Amino acid sequence: MDYGICSLSNVPVRSEPSDKAELVTQLFFGECYQVLQKEGNWFQIQIASDNYIGWIDFKQHFAVTDEYFLEWKATSHPRSLDIVQTVSSANAVTPVLMGSILPFFDGINLRLGHEKLLYNGRASNLSTEYRPAFLAKIATTFLKAPYVWGGKSIFGIDCSGFTQQVMGICGVQLPRDAYQQVALGEEVHFVSLARTGDLAFFDNDESRIIHVGIMLDNQQIIHAHGEVRIDQLDHYGIYNQQRKRYSHKLRLIKRLFPVK
């Protein structure tokens, strides 16, 4: 079995083995994956953190051993907190984006396959419990990030990529898509009881979950819709004050961090 890790800032993951195929997600620096099959110049991969499947260009594959992959999966890793930072070796400097995984980071160095790299930016603290103020700070750092289908970056992100990245930095690994994320957590039955960090889900006329956002204080929601923005939420849905209309119909609210 072949395994790899993302050694670039991010790598497009596509629905089919073609540069013209739909972008379904992105691999971020430090994310491991398993190679499922090869077709021409493309590798079909399964991302280790969320089991998402897609295709990457073989030229962007960075191989790791079975032993490294298994150790990576068994270990919790900090994430980068800087919008853009770098990792460096004696031979190269690589940009990394906020939310990137820092494999086996010891406060100074990280280990990417057999390579040891230096990282001197800010990193998440794995021992820190849920803190609403920290979660809100991370979420609002993404404000004005443009919406890009399949994106997970502050330079282009979709609604479930946004929730996955914010929650990942805060220590909760979510599945990739909104319809998968809705299966987690405990339901909050009234909007008035929602608190910072709860996830609000929205459906269409066919009752399919099509959108997700993160609750903030005072019934506000931060979500990726055209851009990452803050709107008001009520029992009906998201109200866009600029357009004077509702943009999304509320289905339910889920809580991932238990009340203590």
C-alpha atoms as a PDB file:
ATOM      1  CA  MET A   1       0.000   0.000   0.000  1.00  0.00           C
ATOM      2  CA  ASP A   2       1.261   3.481  -0.895  1.00  0.00           C
ATOM      3  CA  TYR A   3       0.935   6.465   1.442  1.00  0.00           C
ATOM      4  CA  GLY A   4       1.734  10.132   1.141  1.00  0.00           C
ATOM      5  CA  ILE A   5       1.672  13.492   2.898  1.00  0.00           C
ATOM      6  CA  CYS A   6       1.040  16.962   1.544  1.00  0.00           C
ATOM      7  CA  SER A   7       4.388  18.757   1.367  1.00  0.00           C
ATOM      8  CA  LEU A   8       3.029  21.905  -0.344  1.00  0.00           C
ATOM      9  CA  SER A   9       0.903  24.709   1.074  1.00  0.00           C
ATOM     10  CA  ASN A  10      -2.176  23.046  -0.439  1.00  0.00           C
ATOM     11  CA  VAL A  11      -2.984  20.642  -3.251  1.00  0.00           C
ATOM     12  CA  PRO A  12      -6.231  20.514  -5.258  1.00  0.00           C
ATOM     13  CA  VAL A  13      -8.205  17.291  -4.894  1.00  0.00           C
ATOM     14  CA  ARG A  14     -10.501  16.690  -7.871  1.00  0.00           C
ATOM     15  CA  SER A  15     -13.548  14.544  -8.571  1.00  0.00           C
ATOM     16  CA  GLU A  16     -11.952  12.863 -11.594  1.00  0.00           C
ATOM     17  CA  PRO A  17      -8.376  12.319 -12.865  1.00  0.00           C
ATOM     18  CA  SER A  18      -8.267  15.541 -14.876  1.00  0.00           C
ATOM     19  CA  ASP A  19      -7.157  19.148 -14.403  1.00  0.00           C
ATOM     20  CA  LYS A  20     -10.575  20.143 -15.736  1.00  0.00           C
ATOM     21  CA  ALA A  21     -12.486  18.130 -13.131  1.00  0.00           C
ATOM     22  CA  GLU A  22     -14.394  19.674 -10.239  1.00  0.00           C
ATOM     23  CA  LEU A  23     -12.418  20.727  -7.179  1.00  0.00           C
ATOM     24  CA  VAL A  24     -13.952  18.736  -4.310  1.00  0.00           C
ATOM     25  CA  THR A  25     -11.519  19.591  -1.516  1.00  0.00           C
ATOM     26  CA  GLN A  26      -7.926  20.558  -0.824  1.00  0.00           C
ATOM     27  CA  LEU A  27      -5.052  18.789   0.877  1.00  0.00           C
ATOM     28  CA  PHE A  28      -3.277  21.054   3.334  1.00  0.00           C
ATOM     29  CA  PHE A  29       0.351  20.877   4.346  1.00  0.00           C
ATOM     30  CA  GLY A  30       0.910  18.037   6.800  1.00  0.00           C
ATOM     31  CA  GLU A  31      -2.171  15.977   5.860  1.00  0.00           C
ATOM     32  CA  CYS A  32      -1.545  12.284   5.247  1.00  0.00           C
ATOM     33  CA  TYR A  33      -3.391  10.126   2.751  1.00  0.00           C
ATOM     34  CA  GLN A  34      -3.541   6.649   1.301  1.00  0.00           C
ATOM     35  CA  VAL A  35      -3.158   6.028  -2.435  1.00  0.00           C
ATOM     36  CA  LEU A  36      -6.075   3.876  -3.620  1.00  0.00           C
ATOM     37  CA  GLN A  37      -5.246   3.577  -7.315  1.00  0.00           C
ATOM     38  CA  LYS A  38      -3.293   5.171 -10.139  1.00  0.00           C
ATOM     39  CA  GLU A  39      -4.612   6.263 -13.524  1.00  0.00           C
ATOM     40  CA  GLY A  40      -2.216   7.913 -15.943  1.00  0.00           C
ATOM     41  CA  ASN A  41      -0.661  10.886 -14.187  1.00  0.00           C
ATOM     42  CA  TRP A  42      -3.226  10.853 -11.383  1.00  0.00           C
ATOM     43  CA  PHE A  43      -3.476   9.188  -7.985  1.00  0.00           C
ATOM     44  CA  GLN A  44      -6.806   8.498  -6.334  1.00  0.00           C
ATOM     45  CA  ILE A  45      -6.344   9.129  -2.623  1.00  0.00           C
ATOM     46  CA  GLN A  46      -8.248   8.825   0.633  1.00  0.00           C
ATOM     47  CA  ILE A  47      -7.411  11.587   3.126  1.00  0.00           C
ATOM     48  CA  ALA A  48      -6.551  10.085   6.501  1.00  0.00           C
ATOM     49  CA  SER A  49      -8.175  12.754   8.684  1.00  0.00           C
ATOM     50  CA  ASP A  50     -11.676  12.714   7.151  1.00  0.00           C
ATOM     51  CA  ASN A  51     -11.672   9.706   4.747  1.00  0.00           C
ATOM     52  CA  TYR A  52     -12.485  11.959   1.782  1.00  0.00           C
ATOM     53  CA  ILE A  53     -11.677  10.457  -1.626  1.00  0.00           C
ATOM     54  CA  GLY A  54     -10.484  12.300  -4.715  1.00  0.00           C
ATOM     55  CA  TRP A  55      -7.716  12.624  -7.290  1.00  0.00           C
ATOM     56  CA  ILE A  56      -4.382  14.471  -7.139  1.00  0.00           C
ATOM     57  CA  ASP A  57      -1.670  15.047  -9.736  1.00  0.00           C
ATOM     58  CA  PHE A  58       1.123  12.507  -9.278  1.00  0.00           C
ATOM     59  CA  LYS A  59       3.672  15.336  -9.349  1.00  0.00           C
ATOM     60  CA  GLN A  60       2.227  16.654  -6.076  1.00  0.00           C
ATOM     61  CA  HIS A  61       2.535  13.293  -4.300  1.00  0.00           C
ATOM     62  CA  PHE A  62       5.098  13.074  -1.486  1.00  0.00           C
ATOM     63  CA  ALA A  63       5.581   9.476  -0.393  1.00  0.00           C
ATOM     64  CA  VAL A  64       5.885   8.339   3.218  1.00  0.00           C
ATOM     65  CA  THR A  65       6.434   4.898   4.695  1.00  0.00           C
ATOM     66  CA  ASP A  66       3.742   2.657   6.167  1.00  0.00           C
ATOM     67  CA  GLU A  67       5.309   3.177   9.588  1.00  0.00           C
ATOM     68  CA  TYR A  68       5.187   6.972   9.309  1.00  0.00           C
ATOM     69  CA  PHE A  69       1.560   6.901   8.146  1.00  0.00           C
ATOM     70  CA  LEU A  70       0.452   4.700  11.049  1.00  0.00           C
ATOM     71  CA  GLU A  71       2.373   6.835  13.551  1.00  0.00           C
ATOM     72  CA  TRP A  72       0.817   9.974  12.044  1.00  0.00           C
ATOM     73  CA  LYS A  73      -2.694   8.531  12.407  1.00  0.00           C
ATOM     74  CA  ALA A  74      -2.086   7.541  16.030  1.00  0.00           C
ATOM     75  CA  THR A  75      -0.828  11.010  17.019  1.00  0.00           C
ATOM     76  CA  SER A  76      -2.597  14.322  17.603  1.00  0.00           C
ATOM     77  CA  HIS A  77      -0.867  17.164  15.797  1.00  0.00           C
ATOM     78  CA  PRO A  78      -0.951  20.946  16.390  1.00  0.00           C
ATOM     79  CA  ARG A  79      -2.072  23.264  13.594  1.00  0.00           C
ATOM     80  CA  SER A  80      -0.705  26.518  12.306  1.00  0.00           C
ATOM     81  CA  LEU A  81      -2.462  29.615  13.650  1.00  0.00           C
ATOM     82  CA  ASP A  82      -0.810  32.185  11.374  1.00  0.00           C
ATOM     83  CA  ILE A  83      -2.614  33.240   8.189  1.00  0.00           C
ATOM     84  CA  VAL A  84       0.610  32.519   6.284  1.00  0.00           C
ATOM     85  CA  GLN A  85       3.802  31.149   7.767  1.00  0.00           C
ATOM     86  CA  THR A  86       6.725  29.071   6.496  1.00  0.00           C
ATOM     87  CA  VAL A  87       8.477  25.831   7.251  1.00  0.00           C
ATOM     88  CA  SER A  88      12.097  25.595   6.262  1.00  0.00           C
ATOM     89  CA  SER A  89      14.955  23.197   5.786  1.00  0.00           C
ATOM     90  CA  ALA A  90      18.517  23.782   4.695  1.00  0.00           C
ATOM     91  CA  ASN A  91      17.404  23.576   1.072  1.00  0.00           C
ATOM     92  CA  ALA A  92      13.933  25.118   0.825  1.00  0.00           C
ATOM     93  CA  VAL A  93      11.275  27.325   2.370  1.00  0.00           C
ATOM     94  CA  THR A  94       7.629  26.239   2.029  1.00  0.00           C
ATOM     95  CA  PRO A  95       4.625  28.476   2.745  1.00  0.00           C
ATOM     96  CA  VAL A  96       1.942  27.031   5.006  1.00  0.00           C
ATOM     97  CA  LEU A  97      -1.530  28.410   5.651  1.00  0.00           C
ATOM     98  CA  MET A  98      -3.629  28.716   8.785  1.00  0.00           C
ATOM     99  CA  GLY A  99      -5.056  25.319   9.707  1.00  0.00           C
ATOM    100  CA  SER A 100      -2.125  23.368   8.299  1.00  0.00           C
ATOM    101  CA  ILE A 101      -1.096  20.314  10.299  1.00  0.00           C
ATOM    102  CA  LEU A 102       2.341  20.382  11.931  1.00  0.00           C
ATOM    103  CA  PRO A 103       3.314  16.700  12.143  1.00  0.00           C
ATOM    104  CA  PHE A 104       5.155  15.720  15.326  1.00  0.00           C
ATOM    105  CA  PHE A 105       5.821  19.381  16.168  1.00  0.00           C
ATOM    106  CA  ASP A 106       7.937  19.810  19.294  1.00  0.00           C
ATOM    107  CA  GLY A 107       7.741  23.597  19.509  1.00  0.00           C
ATOM    108  CA  ILE A 108      10.581  24.163  17.068  1.00  0.00           C
ATOM    109  CA  ASN A 109      10.810  21.313  14.571  1.00  0.00           C
ATOM    110  CA  LEU A 110       8.338  19.085  12.776  1.00  0.00           C
ATOM    111  CA  ARG A 111       8.865  15.866  10.883  1.00  0.00           C
ATOM    112  CA  LEU A 112       7.609  15.442   7.320  1.00  0.00           C
ATOM    113  CA  GLY A 113       8.417  11.903   6.301  1.00  0.00           C
ATOM    114  CA  HIS A 114      12.166  11.551   6.832  1.00  0.00           C
ATOM    115  CA  GLU A 115      12.728  15.326   6.696  1.00  0.00           C
ATOM    116  CA  LYS A 116      13.061  17.590   9.743  1.00  0.00           C
ATOM    117  CA  LEU A 117      11.707  21.107   9.170  1.00  0.00           C
ATOM    118  CA  LEU A 118      11.794  24.296  11.222  1.00  0.00           C
ATOM    119  CA  TYR A 119       8.564  26.152  12.072  1.00  0.00           C
ATOM    120  CA  ASN A 120       8.691  29.316  14.185  1.00  0.00           C
ATOM    121  CA  GLY A 121       5.101  30.505  13.925  1.00  0.00           C
ATOM    122  CA  ARG A 122       2.129  30.139  16.247  1.00  0.00           C
ATOM    123  CA  ALA A 123       0.589  26.696  16.754  1.00  0.00           C
ATOM    124  CA  SER A 124      -2.549  25.406  18.428  1.00  0.00           C
ATOM    125  CA  ASN A 125      -2.309  23.928  21.917  1.00  0.00           C
ATOM    126  CA  LEU A 126      -3.606  20.364  21.955  1.00  0.00           C
ATOM    127  CA  SER A 127      -4.154  20.428  25.725  1.00  0.00           C
ATOM    128  CA  THR A 128      -6.455  23.468  25.660  1.00  0.00           C
ATOM    129  CA  GLU A 129     -10.138  22.796  26.338  1.00  0.00           C
ATOM    130  CA  TYR A 130     -12.975  24.465  24.442  1.00  0.00           C
ATOM    131  CA  ARG A 131     -12.749  28.249  24.754  1.00  0.00           C
ATOM    132  CA  PRO A 132     -15.522  30.262  23.084  1.00  0.00           C
ATOM    133  CA  ALA A 133     -13.361  33.381  22.733  1.00  0.00           C
ATOM    134  CA  PHE A 134     -10.566  31.438  21.002  1.00  0.00           C
ATOM    135  CA  LEU A 135     -13.003  29.722  18.634  1.00  0.00           C
ATOM    136  CA  ALA A 136     -14.617  33.053  17.762  1.00  0.00           C
ATOM    137  CA  LYS A 137     -11.202  34.605  17.144  1.00  0.00           C
ATOM    138  CA  ILE A 138     -10.199  31.813  14.773  1.00  0.00           C
ATOM    139  CA  ALA A 139     -13.530  31.930  12.945  1.00  0.00           C
ATOM    140  CA  THR A 140     -13.500  35.697  12.488  1.00  0.00           C
ATOM    141  CA  THR A 141      -9.942  35.588  11.140  1.00  0.00           C
ATOM    142  CA  PHE A 142     -11.541  34.081   8.020  1.00  0.00           C
ATOM    143  CA  LEU A 143     -13.861  37.080   7.498  1.00  0.00           C
ATOM    144  CA  LYS A 144     -13.931  38.266   3.867  1.00  0.00           C
ATOM    145  CA  ALA A 145     -12.317  35.042   2.631  1.00  0.00           C
ATOM    146  CA  PRO A 146     -13.902  34.467  -0.802  1.00  0.00           C
ATOM    147  CA  TYR A 147     -16.210  31.524  -1.370  1.00  0.00           C
ATOM    148  CA  VAL A 148     -14.645  28.784  -3.519  1.00  0.00           C
ATOM    149  CA  TRP A 149     -16.372  25.442  -3.995  1.00  0.00           C
ATOM    150  CA  GLY A 150     -14.082  22.753  -2.581  1.00  0.00           C
ATOM    151  CA  GLY A 151     -11.786  25.290  -0.930  1.00  0.00           C
ATOM    152  CA  LYS A 152     -10.390  25.097   2.614  1.00  0.00           C
ATOM    153  CA  SER A 153      -8.061  28.104   2.504  1.00  0.00           C
ATOM    154  CA  ILE A 154      -8.416  31.646   3.803  1.00  0.00           C
ATOM    155  CA  PHE A 155      -7.828  32.605   0.158  1.00  0.00           C
ATOM    156  CA  GLY A 156     -10.836  30.544  -0.989  1.00  0.00           C
ATOM    157  CA  ILE A 157     -13.175  28.400   1.090  1.00  0.00           C
ATOM    158  CA  ASP A 158     -16.620  26.798   1.045  1.00  0.00           C
ATOM    159  CA  CYS A 159     -19.101  26.514   3.905  1.00  0.00           C
ATOM    160  CA  SER A 160     -18.152  23.055   5.181  1.00  0.00           C
ATOM    161  CA  GLY A 161     -14.458  23.651   4.518  1.00  0.00           C
ATOM    162  CA  PHE A 162     -14.753  26.684   6.781  1.00  0.00           C
ATOM    163  CA  THR A 163     -16.384  24.753   9.621  1.00  0.00           C
ATOM    164  CA  GLN A 164     -13.944  21.859   9.206  1.00  0.00           C
ATOM    165  CA  GLN A 165     -10.923  24.160   9.399  1.00  0.00           C
ATOM    166  CA  VAL A 166     -12.114  26.210  12.382  1.00  0.00           C
ATOM    167  CA  MET A 167     -13.178  23.153  14.374  1.00  0.00           C
ATOM    168  CA  GLY A 168      -9.975  21.336  13.444  1.00  0.00           C
ATOM    169  CA  ILE A 169      -7.874  24.157  14.865  1.00  0.00           C
ATOM    170  CA  CYS A 170     -10.025  23.961  18.006  1.00  0.00           C
ATOM    171  CA  GLY A 171      -9.401  20.226  18.357  1.00  0.00           C
ATOM    172  CA  VAL A 172     -12.452  18.641  16.714  1.00  0.00           C
ATOM    173  CA  GLN A 173     -11.981  16.781  13.433  1.00  0.00           C
ATOM    174  CA  LEU A 174     -15.116  17.070  11.287  1.00  0.00           C
ATOM    175  CA  PRO A 175     -16.014  15.194   8.120  1.00  0.00           C
ATOM    176  CA  ARG A 176     -15.635  17.239   4.945  1.00  0.00           C
ATOM    177  CA  ASP A 177     -19.206  17.920   3.796  1.00  0.00           C
ATOM    178  CA  ALA A 178     -22.153  19.555   5.569  1.00  0.00           C
ATOM    179  CA  TYR A 179     -24.430  16.522   5.165  1.00  0.00           C
ATOM    180  CA  GLN A 180     -21.764  14.440   6.960  1.00  0.00           C
ATOM    181  CA  GLN A 181     -21.086  17.007   9.676  1.00  0.00           C
ATOM    182  CA  VAL A 182     -24.760  17.148  10.679  1.00  0.00           C
ATOM    183  CA  ALA A 183     -24.523  13.588  12.038  1.00  0.00           C
ATOM    184  CA  LEU A 184     -22.260  14.741  14.890  1.00  0.00           C
ATOM    185  CA  GLY A 185     -23.095  16.363  18.215  1.00  0.00           C
ATOM    186  CA  GLU A 186     -26.281  16.909  20.199  1.00  0.00           C
ATOM    187  CA  GLU A 187     -29.232  18.904  18.941  1.00  0.00           C
ATOM    188  CA  VAL A 188     -29.952  22.368  20.331  1.00  0.00           C
ATOM    189  CA  HIS A 189     -33.713  22.767  20.131  1.00  0.00           C
ATOM    190  CA  PHE A 190     -34.044  26.551  20.219  1.00  0.00           C
ATOM    191  CA  VAL A 191     -32.017  29.241  18.474  1.00  0.00           C
ATOM    192  CA  SER A 192     -32.106  31.284  21.665  1.00  0.00           C
ATOM    193  CA  LEU A 193     -30.117  28.517  23.428  1.00  0.00           C
ATOM    194  CA  ALA A 194     -27.333  28.385  20.823  1.00  0.00           C
ATOM    195  CA  ARG A 195     -23.861  29.351  21.957  1.00  0.00           C
ATOM    196  CA  THR A 196     -20.532  30.116  20.324  1.00  0.00           C
ATOM    197  CA  GLY A 197     -19.210  27.032  18.542  1.00  0.00           C
ATOM    198  CA  ASP A 198     -22.549  25.366  17.813  1.00  0.00           C
ATOM    199  CA  LEU A 199     -23.059  24.410  14.170  1.00  0.00           C
ATOM    200  CA  ALA A 200     -26.233  25.488  12.361  1.00  0.00           C
ATOM    201  CA  PHE A 201     -27.359  23.464   9.344  1.00  0.00           C
ATOM    202  CA  PHE A 202     -29.640  24.489   6.509  1.00  0.00           C
ATOM    203  CA  ASP A 203     -31.605  22.526   3.928  1.00  0.00           C
ATOM    204  CA  ASN A 204     -33.293  23.000   0.564  1.00  0.00           C
ATOM    205  CA  ASP A 205     -36.819  22.223  -0.598  1.00  0.00           C
ATOM    206  CA  GLU A 206     -35.877  18.540  -0.928  1.00  0.00           C
ATOM    207  CA  SER A 207     -34.748  18.513   2.740  1.00  0.00           C
ATOM    208  CA  ARG A 208     -31.091  18.001   1.776  1.00  0.00           C
ATOM    209  CA  ILE A 209     -28.487  19.650   3.995  1.00  0.00           C
ATOM    210  CA  ILE A 210     -26.800  22.201   1.738  1.00  0.00           C
ATOM    211  CA  HIS A 211     -25.175  24.727   4.092  1.00  0.00           C
ATOM    212  CA  VAL A 212     -23.514  25.010   7.494  1.00  0.00           C
ATOM    213  CA  GLY A 213     -22.182  27.823   9.658  1.00  0.00           C
ATOM    214  CA  ILE A 214     -20.813  28.481  13.149  1.00  0.00           C
ATOM    215  CA  MET A 215     -22.833  30.214  15.821  1.00  0.00           C
ATOM    216  CA  LEU A 216     -21.454  33.253  17.636  1.00  0.00           C
ATOM    217  CA  ASP A 217     -22.956  35.250  20.499  1.00  0.00           C
ATOM    218  CA  ASN A 218     -26.307  37.046  20.225  1.00  0.00           C
ATOM    219  CA  GLN A 219     -27.738  34.657  17.624  1.00  0.00           C
ATOM    220  CA  GLN A 220     -25.166  35.650  15.047  1.00  0.00           C
ATOM    221  CA  ILE A 221     -23.743  33.147  12.597  1.00  0.00           C
ATOM    222  CA  ILE A 222     -20.469  33.213  10.688  1.00  0.00           C
ATOM    223  CA  HIS A 223     -20.533  31.277   7.434  1.00  0.00           C
ATOM    224  CA  ALA A 224     -19.146  31.144   3.878  1.00  0.00           C
ATOM    225  CA  HIS A 225     -21.700  32.537   1.448  1.00  0.00           C
ATOM    226  CA  GLY A 226     -20.083  34.566  -1.316  1.00  0.00           C
ATOM    227  CA  GLU A 227     -17.511  35.355   1.334  1.00  0.00           C
ATOM    228  CA  VAL A 228     -17.057  34.473   4.980  1.00  0.00           C
ATOM    229  CA  ARG A 229     -19.512  36.838   6.662  1.00  0.00           C
ATOM    230  CA  ILE A 230     -21.539  37.350   9.830  1.00  0.00           C
ATOM    231  CA  ASP A 231     -25.333  37.430   9.665  1.00  0.00           C
ATOM    232  CA  GLN A 232     -28.252  37.146  12.066  1.00  0.00           C
ATOM    233  CA  LEU A 233     -30.021  33.834  12.672  1.00  0.00           C
ATOM    234  CA  ASP A 234     -33.580  33.259  13.845  1.00  0.00           C
ATOM    235  CA  HIS A 235     -35.901  30.245  13.956  1.00  0.00           C
ATOM    236  CA  TYR A 236     -36.521  30.560  10.208  1.00  0.00           C
ATOM    237  CA  GLY A 237     -32.955  30.915   8.990  1.00  0.00           C
ATOM    238  CA  ILE A 238     -30.164  33.322   8.064  1.00  0.00           C
ATOM    239  CA  TYR A 239     -31.267  36.897   7.431  1.00  0.00           C
ATOM    240  CA  ASN A 240     -29.034  38.903   5.106  1.00  0.00           C
ATOM    241  CA  GLN A 241     -29.354  42.501   6.288  1.00  0.00           C
ATOM    242  CA  GLN A 242     -27.758  43.917   3.137  1.00  0.00           C
ATOM    243  CA  ARG A 243     -30.215  42.188   0.823  1.00  0.00           C
ATOM    244  CA  LYS A 244     -33.151  42.426   3.246  1.00  0.00           C
ATOM    245  CA  ARG A 245     -34.069  38.777   2.832  1.00  0.00           C
ATOM    246  CA  TYR A 246     -33.423  35.285   4.145  1.00  0.00           C
ATOM    247  CA  SER A 247     -30.626  33.446   2.371  1.00  0.00           C
ATOM    248  CA  HIS A 248     -30.881  29.997   4.034  1.00  0.00           C
ATOM    249  CA  LYS A 249     -33.630  27.973   5.725  1.00  0.00           C
ATOM    250  CA  LEU A 250     -32.676  26.586   9.145  1.00  0.00           C
ATOM    251  CA  ARG A 251     -32.898  22.828   9.616  1.00  0.00           C
ATOM    252  CA  LEU A 252     -31.262  22.301  13.038  1.00  0.00           C
ATOM    253  CA  ILE A 253     -28.439  23.304  15.357  1.00  0.00           C
ATOM    254  CA  LYS A 254     -25.895  20.834  16.753  1.00  0.00           C
ATOM    255  CA  ARG A 255     -23.526  21.185  19.722  1.00  0.00           C
ATOM    256  CA  LEU A 256     -20.087  19.546  19.537  1.00  0.00           C
ATOM    257  CA  PHE A 257     -18.662  20.925  22.784  1.00  0.00           C
ATOM    258  CA  PRO A 258     -20.675  19.682  25.817  1.00  0.00           C
ATOM    259  CA  VAL A 259     -21.785  22.158  28.448  1.00  0.00           C
ATOM    260  CA  LYS A 260     -19.711  21.803  31.643  1.00  0.00           C
END
